[in-house]
Structures are given as C-alpha cells and as structure tokens.
Amino acid sequence: MQKTYLPKAADIKRKWYLVDAKDQILGRLASRVAMVLRGKHKPMFTPSMDTGDGVIVINAAKVKVTGRKLKDKVYRRYSGYPGGLKEVTLENMLKNRPETVFKLAVERMLPKGALSEKTISKLKVYADDKHSHAGLKPEAIKL
C-alpha cells in the first residue's frame, strides 16, 4: 500500500515571481496568481498546507476588464452603522486604488480561513512598474 506524501516545512522551497499586469485581463490574471500563491502549480500541493510561492505584481493600474464592468461592477463596504453603506464603482477604484482592486480579486479567489491570510501575505501589488523587492530576486514570468 502506498502512503500519501505530506511535505514537511523544510521540504517547501519558496520562490518569488514578478508579474506584469499591463494590458492583461483582471480576472484571468488574478486566478493564475491565486493558483501560484496557493501552490497548485507544484507537484507537492497539499490543500491543508501553505506550499505556494510569492508573487509581485506591477502595473496594476493598467489592467483591463471586459464588457461593461467599469461602470457596472460595484465594491461595497458597510461600517455597521445606519447609513454606513459605501459603494464605489470599478472605474473609480482603478483610478484611486488600483492595488486594492487586484488584491481583492485574488483574495476572493482563495479559500477562506487562517491559511488564506498567510497565503495573501505573499502577494505584493504595485500600481506602476517600480517595486522595492529587488532583494528577493523575483523571477519574471508571463501568466
């Protein structure tokens, strides 16, 4: 009988990848980034462990969306107080906070729980093409 392989913390080799989001479709890129963050691209993937790699995304402000999402998609948050519902369209969010748009897209594609908090902490998003993570020696990939 074969036993199921469970990787140990010492077996997991983490890499950092650099992704350029310029002229790429938001949802498609976010799903691929979520897959790399989670570790599903590795043969040692285990759902209950964090086996994923880190991702640095640049040019998040230049991401594309299809259809009428710029006007129709709405981000809502609620403070908990009466009249505390805030609604912002995707168009305004991309103008003001493009990093948040991409981070929310990836975060909502990950399973919820304590493991997803560790996973999302390995995502760094920047609106332009400058980042401060050269010391991590990220490997540029095309997703």
C-alpha atoms as a PDB file:
ATOM      1  CA  MET A   1       0.000   0.000   0.000  1.00  0.00           C
ATOM      2  CA  GLN A   2       1.287   3.465  -0.880  1.00  0.00           C
ATOM      3  CA  LYS A   3       1.181   6.225   1.658  1.00  0.00           C
ATOM      4  CA  THR A   4       0.110   9.766   0.850  1.00  0.00           C
ATOM      5  CA  TYR A   5       3.051  12.141   0.730  1.00  0.00           C
ATOM      6  CA  LEU A   6       2.767  15.155   3.020  1.00  0.00           C
ATOM      7  CA  PRO A   7       5.526  17.733   2.612  1.00  0.00           C
ATOM      8  CA  LYS A   8       7.326  18.967   5.695  1.00  0.00           C
ATOM      9  CA  ALA A   9       8.042  22.660   6.221  1.00  0.00           C
ATOM     10  CA  ALA A  10      11.717  22.068   5.408  1.00  0.00           C
ATOM     11  CA  ASP A  11      10.819  20.430   2.060  1.00  0.00           C
ATOM     12  CA  ILE A  12       8.971  23.501   0.751  1.00  0.00           C
ATOM     13  CA  LYS A  13      11.162  25.704  -1.442  1.00  0.00           C
ATOM     14  CA  ARG A  14       9.668  29.140  -1.934  1.00  0.00           C
ATOM     15  CA  LYS A  15      10.378  31.335  -4.932  1.00  0.00           C
ATOM     16  CA  TRP A  16       9.265  34.841  -5.812  1.00  0.00           C
ATOM     17  CA  TYR A  17       7.776  35.678  -9.178  1.00  0.00           C
ATOM     18  CA  LEU A  18       7.349  39.054 -10.890  1.00  0.00           C
ATOM     19  CA  VAL A  19       4.194  39.501 -12.974  1.00  0.00           C
ATOM     20  CA  ASP A  20       3.490  42.448 -15.277  1.00  0.00           C
ATOM     21  CA  ALA A  21      -0.264  43.140 -15.338  1.00  0.00           C
ATOM     22  CA  LYS A  22      -0.112  45.661 -18.180  1.00  0.00           C
ATOM     23  CA  ASP A  23      -2.860  45.012 -20.791  1.00  0.00           C
ATOM     24  CA  GLN A  24      -3.928  41.731 -19.142  1.00  0.00           C
ATOM     25  CA  ILE A  25      -7.488  40.864 -18.165  1.00  0.00           C
ATOM     26  CA  LEU A  26      -8.066  41.299 -14.416  1.00  0.00           C
ATOM     27  CA  GLY A  27      -9.963  38.100 -13.601  1.00  0.00           C
ATOM     28  CA  ARG A  28      -7.866  35.763 -15.698  1.00  0.00           C
ATOM     29  CA  LEU A  29      -4.607  37.099 -14.295  1.00  0.00           C
ATOM     30  CA  ALA A  30      -5.946  37.086 -10.735  1.00  0.00           C
ATOM     31  CA  SER A  31      -6.945  33.413 -10.985  1.00  0.00           C
ATOM     32  CA  ARG A  32      -3.473  32.437 -12.223  1.00  0.00           C
ATOM     33  CA  VAL A  33      -1.807  34.470  -9.466  1.00  0.00           C
ATOM     34  CA  ALA A  34      -4.079  32.805  -6.880  1.00  0.00           C
ATOM     35  CA  MET A  35      -3.011  29.408  -8.189  1.00  0.00           C
ATOM     36  CA  VAL A  36       0.694  30.262  -7.772  1.00  0.00           C
ATOM     37  CA  LEU A  37       0.128  31.750  -4.299  1.00  0.00           C
ATOM     38  CA  ARG A  38      -1.699  28.619  -3.210  1.00  0.00           C
ATOM     39  CA  GLY A  39       0.957  26.275  -4.651  1.00  0.00           C
ATOM     40  CA  LYS A  40      -1.277  24.371  -7.072  1.00  0.00           C
ATOM     41  CA  HIS A  41       1.414  24.566  -9.759  1.00  0.00           C
ATOM     42  CA  LYS A  42       3.712  22.318  -7.687  1.00  0.00           C
ATOM     43  CA  PRO A  43       3.546  18.517  -7.540  1.00  0.00           C
ATOM     44  CA  MET A  44       3.732  18.629  -3.726  1.00  0.00           C
ATOM     45  CA  PHE A  45       0.485  20.646  -3.393  1.00  0.00           C
ATOM     46  CA  THR A  46      -1.430  19.869  -0.222  1.00  0.00           C
ATOM     47  CA  PRO A  47      -4.747  21.652   0.451  1.00  0.00           C
ATOM     48  CA  SER A  48      -4.126  21.969   4.187  1.00  0.00           C
ATOM     49  CA  MET A  49      -0.600  23.435   3.911  1.00  0.00           C
ATOM     50  CA  ASP A  50       0.870  26.621   2.521  1.00  0.00           C
ATOM     51  CA  THR A  51       3.100  25.306  -0.281  1.00  0.00           C
ATOM     52  CA  GLY A  52       2.811  28.332  -2.572  1.00  0.00           C
ATOM     53  CA  ASP A  53       5.263  30.920  -3.816  1.00  0.00           C
ATOM     54  CA  GLY A  54       5.305  34.704  -3.514  1.00  0.00           C
ATOM     55  CA  VAL A  55       4.121  36.988  -6.312  1.00  0.00           C
ATOM     56  CA  ILE A  56       4.957  40.634  -7.014  1.00  0.00           C
ATOM     57  CA  VAL A  57       2.504  42.296  -9.416  1.00  0.00           C
ATOM     58  CA  ILE A  58       3.484  45.533 -11.167  1.00  0.00           C
ATOM     59  CA  ASN A  59       1.415  47.866 -13.408  1.00  0.00           C
ATOM     60  CA  ALA A  60      -1.841  47.010 -11.623  1.00  0.00           C
ATOM     61  CA  ALA A  61      -3.304  50.345 -12.775  1.00  0.00           C
ATOM     62  CA  LYS A  62      -3.020  49.254 -16.432  1.00  0.00           C
ATOM     63  CA  VAL A  63      -5.081  46.084 -16.102  1.00  0.00           C
ATOM     64  CA  LYS A  64      -8.046  45.570 -18.456  1.00  0.00           C
ATOM     65  CA  VAL A  65     -11.599  44.424 -17.839  1.00  0.00           C
ATOM     66  CA  THR A  66     -14.104  43.189 -20.397  1.00  0.00           C
ATOM     67  CA  GLY A  67     -17.695  44.154 -21.026  1.00  0.00           C
ATOM     68  CA  ARG A  68     -19.356  46.917 -19.015  1.00  0.00           C
ATOM     69  CA  LYS A  69     -17.639  46.092 -15.730  1.00  0.00           C
ATOM     70  CA  LEU A  70     -16.022  49.532 -15.399  1.00  0.00           C
ATOM     71  CA  LYS A  71     -19.455  51.093 -14.899  1.00  0.00           C
ATOM     72  CA  ASP A  72     -21.491  48.133 -13.573  1.00  0.00           C
ATOM     73  CA  LYS A  73     -19.175  46.439 -11.047  1.00  0.00           C
ATOM     74  CA  VAL A  74     -19.566  47.939  -7.585  1.00  0.00           C
ATOM     75  CA  TYR A  75     -17.394  47.429  -4.492  1.00  0.00           C
ATOM     76  CA  ARG A  76     -19.448  47.674  -1.301  1.00  0.00           C
ATOM     77  CA  ARG A  77     -18.375  48.002   2.301  1.00  0.00           C
ATOM     78  CA  TYR A  78     -20.516  48.526   5.360  1.00  0.00           C
ATOM     79  CA  SER A  79     -19.389  50.226   8.569  1.00  0.00           C
ATOM     80  CA  GLY A  80     -22.093  48.627  10.690  1.00  0.00           C
ATOM     81  CA  TYR A  81     -23.859  51.893  11.407  1.00  0.00           C
ATOM     82  CA  PRO A  82     -27.174  53.035   9.909  1.00  0.00           C
ATOM     83  CA  GLY A  83     -26.464  54.669   6.559  1.00  0.00           C
ATOM     84  CA  GLY A  84     -22.914  53.313   6.616  1.00  0.00           C
ATOM     85  CA  LEU A  85     -23.001  51.540   3.240  1.00  0.00           C
ATOM     86  CA  LYS A  86     -20.280  52.818   0.874  1.00  0.00           C
ATOM     87  CA  GLU A  87     -20.364  51.925  -2.810  1.00  0.00           C
ATOM     88  CA  VAL A  88     -17.565  52.596  -5.301  1.00  0.00           C
ATOM     89  CA  THR A  89     -17.519  51.590  -8.980  1.00  0.00           C
ATOM     90  CA  LEU A  90     -14.629  49.690 -10.517  1.00  0.00           C
ATOM     91  CA  GLU A  91     -13.775  52.714 -12.658  1.00  0.00           C
ATOM     92  CA  ASN A  92     -13.245  54.907  -9.572  1.00  0.00           C
ATOM     93  CA  MET A  93     -11.370  52.167  -7.710  1.00  0.00           C
ATOM     94  CA  LEU A  94      -8.958  51.698 -10.629  1.00  0.00           C
ATOM     95  CA  LYS A  95      -8.307  55.445 -10.657  1.00  0.00           C
ATOM     96  CA  ASN A  96      -7.826  55.840  -6.919  1.00  0.00           C
ATOM     97  CA  ARG A  97      -6.676  52.459  -5.561  1.00  0.00           C
ATOM     98  CA  PRO A  98      -5.624  50.005  -8.315  1.00  0.00           C
ATOM     99  CA  GLU A  99      -3.598  47.889  -5.866  1.00  0.00           C
ATOM    100  CA  THR A 100      -6.743  47.212  -3.834  1.00  0.00           C
ATOM    101  CA  VAL A 101      -8.701  46.126  -6.923  1.00  0.00           C
ATOM    102  CA  PHE A 102      -6.153  43.460  -7.813  1.00  0.00           C
ATOM    103  CA  LYS A 103      -5.619  42.338  -4.227  1.00  0.00           C
ATOM    104  CA  LEU A 104      -9.373  41.921  -3.658  1.00  0.00           C
ATOM    105  CA  ALA A 105      -9.717  39.960  -6.913  1.00  0.00           C
ATOM    106  CA  VAL A 106      -7.022  37.488  -5.822  1.00  0.00           C
ATOM    107  CA  GLU A 107      -8.149  37.356  -2.186  1.00  0.00           C
ATOM    108  CA  ARG A 108     -11.710  36.452  -3.163  1.00  0.00           C
ATOM    109  CA  MET A 109     -10.422  33.536  -5.261  1.00  0.00           C
ATOM    110  CA  LEU A 110      -8.648  31.933  -2.308  1.00  0.00           C
ATOM    111  CA  PRO A 111     -10.387  29.663   0.201  1.00  0.00           C
ATOM    112  CA  LYS A 112     -11.342  31.470   3.392  1.00  0.00           C
ATOM    113  CA  GLY A 113      -9.683  30.849   6.749  1.00  0.00           C
ATOM    114  CA  ALA A 114      -6.379  31.202   8.538  1.00  0.00           C
ATOM    115  CA  LEU A 115      -4.461  29.611   5.676  1.00  0.00           C
ATOM    116  CA  SER A 116      -5.689  32.211   3.209  1.00  0.00           C
ATOM    117  CA  GLU A 117      -4.383  35.004   5.468  1.00  0.00           C
ATOM    118  CA  LYS A 118      -0.883  33.501   5.248  1.00  0.00           C
ATOM    119  CA  THR A 119      -1.281  32.997   1.519  1.00  0.00           C
ATOM    120  CA  ILE A 120      -2.422  36.554   0.727  1.00  0.00           C
ATOM    121  CA  SER A 121       0.505  37.983   2.707  1.00  0.00           C
ATOM    122  CA  LYS A 122       2.826  36.668  -0.044  1.00  0.00           C
ATOM    123  CA  LEU A 123       1.173  38.942  -2.620  1.00  0.00           C
ATOM    124  CA  LYS A 124       2.710  42.372  -3.251  1.00  0.00           C
ATOM    125  CA  VAL A 125       0.871  44.678  -5.676  1.00  0.00           C
ATOM    126  CA  TYR A 126       2.119  47.962  -7.157  1.00  0.00           C
ATOM    127  CA  ALA A 127       0.257  50.421  -9.400  1.00  0.00           C
ATOM    128  CA  ASP A 128       3.298  51.307 -11.520  1.00  0.00           C
ATOM    129  CA  ASP A 129       6.412  49.433 -12.651  1.00  0.00           C
ATOM    130  CA  LYS A 130       8.554  50.205  -9.583  1.00  0.00           C
ATOM    131  CA  HIS A 131       8.801  47.845  -6.625  1.00  0.00           C
ATOM    132  CA  SER A 132      11.070  47.611  -3.587  1.00  0.00           C
ATOM    133  CA  HIS A 133      11.611  43.841  -3.562  1.00  0.00           C
ATOM    134  CA  ALA A 134      14.763  43.500  -5.657  1.00  0.00           C
ATOM    135  CA  GLY A 135      16.428  41.717  -2.722  1.00  0.00           C
ATOM    136  CA  LEU A 136      14.027  38.804  -3.143  1.00  0.00           C
ATOM    137  CA  LYS A 137      15.399  38.239  -6.674  1.00  0.00           C
ATOM    138  CA  PRO A 138      11.989  37.691  -8.296  1.00  0.00           C
ATOM    139  CA  GLU A 139      11.849  35.631 -11.456  1.00  0.00           C
ATOM    140  CA  ALA A 140       9.789  37.286 -14.211  1.00  0.00           C
ATOM    141  CA  ILE A 141       7.023  35.038 -15.536  1.00  0.00           C
ATOM    142  CA  LYS A 142       4.262  35.501 -18.051  1.00  0.00           C
ATOM    143  CA  LEU A 143       0.915  34.224 -16.778  1.00  0.00           C
END
